[in-house]
C-alpha cells in the first residue's frame, strides 16, 4: 500500500492531467521507444548488433525456403 501511494504521488507530478488525462504519458513512451531503437542499432553486444542478427536470420530463412522449393 505504501508503494502504491508513492507511485500515485509521483504520477500526479506529471503535468497535463486535466487536459490530456492518461495520454499525458505518451511523450515518455515515444522517448523510450526511440532510445530502444537507437540501442538496437548502435550498441554492439559481442560482435553484432540486433539488426545484424535480424538480417542474418532473415537471409538464412530465405535460403532455406529456396532450398525446399528446389531452386
Protein backbone atom coordinates (compact mmCIF):
# COMPACT_ATOMS: atom_id res chain seq x y z
CA UNK A 1 0.00 0.00 0.00
CA UNK A 2 2.87 2.36 0.77
CA UNK A 3 4.42 1.80 -2.65
CA UNK A 4 1.08 2.45 -4.34
CA UNK A 5 0.73 5.81 -2.60
CA UNK A 6 4.25 6.77 -3.63
CA UNK A 7 3.60 5.80 -7.24
CA UNK A 8 0.34 7.75 -7.30
CA UNK A 9 2.09 10.79 -5.89
CA UNK A 10 4.84 10.50 -8.49
CA UNK A 11 2.32 10.15 -11.33
CA UNK A 12 0.44 13.24 -10.15
CA UNK A 13 3.63 15.29 -10.64
CA UNK A 14 3.38 14.83 -14.43
CA UNK A 15 1.65 17.92 -15.81
CA UNK A 16 -1.42 17.92 -18.06
CA UNK A 17 -3.73 15.61 -16.15
CA UNK A 18 -6.83 17.75 -16.64
CA UNK A 19 -6.28 18.46 -20.34
CA UNK A 20 -4.72 15.21 -21.62
CA UNK A 21 -5.67 12.64 -18.99
CA UNK A 22 -3.83 9.36 -19.33
CA UNK A 23 -2.36 10.45 -22.68
CA UNK A 24 0.00 12.85 -20.93
CA UNK A 25 2.42 9.94 -20.59
CA UNK A 26 2.77 9.40 -24.35
CA UNK A 27 5.94 11.53 -24.72
CA UNK A 28 7.70 9.27 -22.22
CA UNK A 29 6.81 6.22 -24.31
CA UNK A 30 7.99 7.89 -27.53
CA UNK A 31 11.33 8.74 -25.92
CA UNK A 32 11.62 5.21 -24.51
CA UNK A 33 10.89 3.71 -27.94
CA UNK A 34 13.44 5.96 -29.62
CA UNK A 35 16.06 5.06 -27.04
CA UNK A 36 15.41 1.36 -27.54
CA UNK A 37 15.69 1.74 -31.32
CA UNK A 38 18.98 3.64 -31.01
CA UNK A 39 20.32 0.99 -28.65
CA UNK A 40 19.37 -1.83 -31.02
CA UNK A 41 21.03 -0.10 -33.99
CA UNK A 42 24.20 1.27 -32.40
CA UNK A 43 25.20 -0.84 -29.40
CA UNK A 44 27.21 -3.95 -30.14
CA UNK A 45 26.95 -6.93 -27.85
CA UNK A 46 29.88 -9.12 -28.69
CA UNK A 47 30.48 -8.55 -32.38
CA UNK A 48 26.90 -7.94 -33.51
CA UNK A 49 24.01 -5.53 -33.13
CA UNK A 50 20.38 -6.60 -33.05
CA UNK A 51 19.93 -5.71 -36.72
CA UNK A 52 22.98 -7.73 -37.78
CA UNK A 53 21.40 -10.80 -36.22
CA UNK A 54 18.00 -9.97 -37.74
CA UNK A 55 19.43 -9.62 -41.27
CA UNK A 56 21.43 -12.84 -40.94
CA UNK A 57 18.43 -14.83 -39.71
CA UNK A 58 16.21 -13.42 -42.47
CA UNK A 59 18.71 -14.38 -45.17
CA UNK A 60 19.05 -17.86 -43.64
CA UNK A 61 15.28 -18.32 -43.74
CA UNK A 62 15.11 -17.19 -47.37
CA UNK A 63 17.92 -19.57 -48.29
CA UNK A 64 16.16 -22.48 -46.57
CA UNK A 65 12.90 -21.68 -48.37
CA UNK A 66 14.70 -21.67 -51.72
CA UNK A 67 16.35 -24.99 -50.93
CA UNK A 68 12.99 -26.54 -50.04
CA UNK A 69 11.49 -25.33 -53.33
CA UNK A 70 14.42 -26.83 -55.20
CA UNK A 71 15.81 -23.69 -56.77
